[in-house]
Amino acid sequence: MEDENASISYFLGTDALGRDILSKIIAGARITVLVVVAAVGTGVIVGTTIGLVAGYFGGLIDDIVMRFVDAWNILPGLLIILVIVLVLEQSLETLIIVLAIVSWPGAVRLVRAETLSLKNREYVALARVAGASNTRIMIRHILPGVVNIVIVTATLGTGNIILLEASLSYLGAGIPPPEPSWGRMISEERQYIDAAWWTSLFPGLVIAMVVMSGNFLGDWFRDRVDPTLRQL
């Protein structure tokens, strides 16, 4: 066993194979950023599109979408992901897809609510009178009004995606080897936690700090774009 505590050469110590913990964390950050950007981006695009359509057309379409979202939110997200990963081949692409699948309902609710408000504005009514199609109205007149909501949703969703990815990697159902992963680092090193506690502690601290930073950034941005909160 070659675990070393922190030193000048290895700032965060080394693991059982003598590998630098800091280097592994940095390498894992690259994969984490890729997964988060792809999963959150896909989920937000899908959720925004569905929310726009449901909020703009209303009626039966809105009822069907919202009943589906309500039913989906009852289901445990982690369990759904585990089932899908077990059915499909475990890969980076599969992980991104399943994380995107569980991230879109939040965007649907927020975008739909904002669309319900915006579609009755005077400029939207004028666009209808001018003969603009529904698609053009949604893209040119309503979508710009929900962009701030979309950005807040994406920012706040980042922390959740990171936690899900880390949980899956810890359970062995996340990013497959040999790609580095913060969650798998914790899983692989937990057997050495008594003798080399730093090998699991530092990846866990990085996950916690990144998640909290994402949440703080999302809260700050929400306060900036929401006029009702700015007045408080």
Foldseek 3Di string as FASTA:
>chain_A
DDWDDADPVQRHTAAPVRHRLVVLLVLQVVLLVVLLCLQLVLLLVVLLVLLLVCQQVPDPSVVVVVVVLVVLVVDDLLVVLLVQLVVDPQASVSQSVSSNVSLNSVNNVQNSVQNNVQCPDPVNVVCVVVPDDPVCCSVPPRVVVCVLVSVLSSLLCSLVSLVSQLVCLLVVSHHHPPRRHLSVQLNVRVVVCVPRVSSNVVSVVVSVVVSVVSNVVSVVSCCVVDPVNVVD
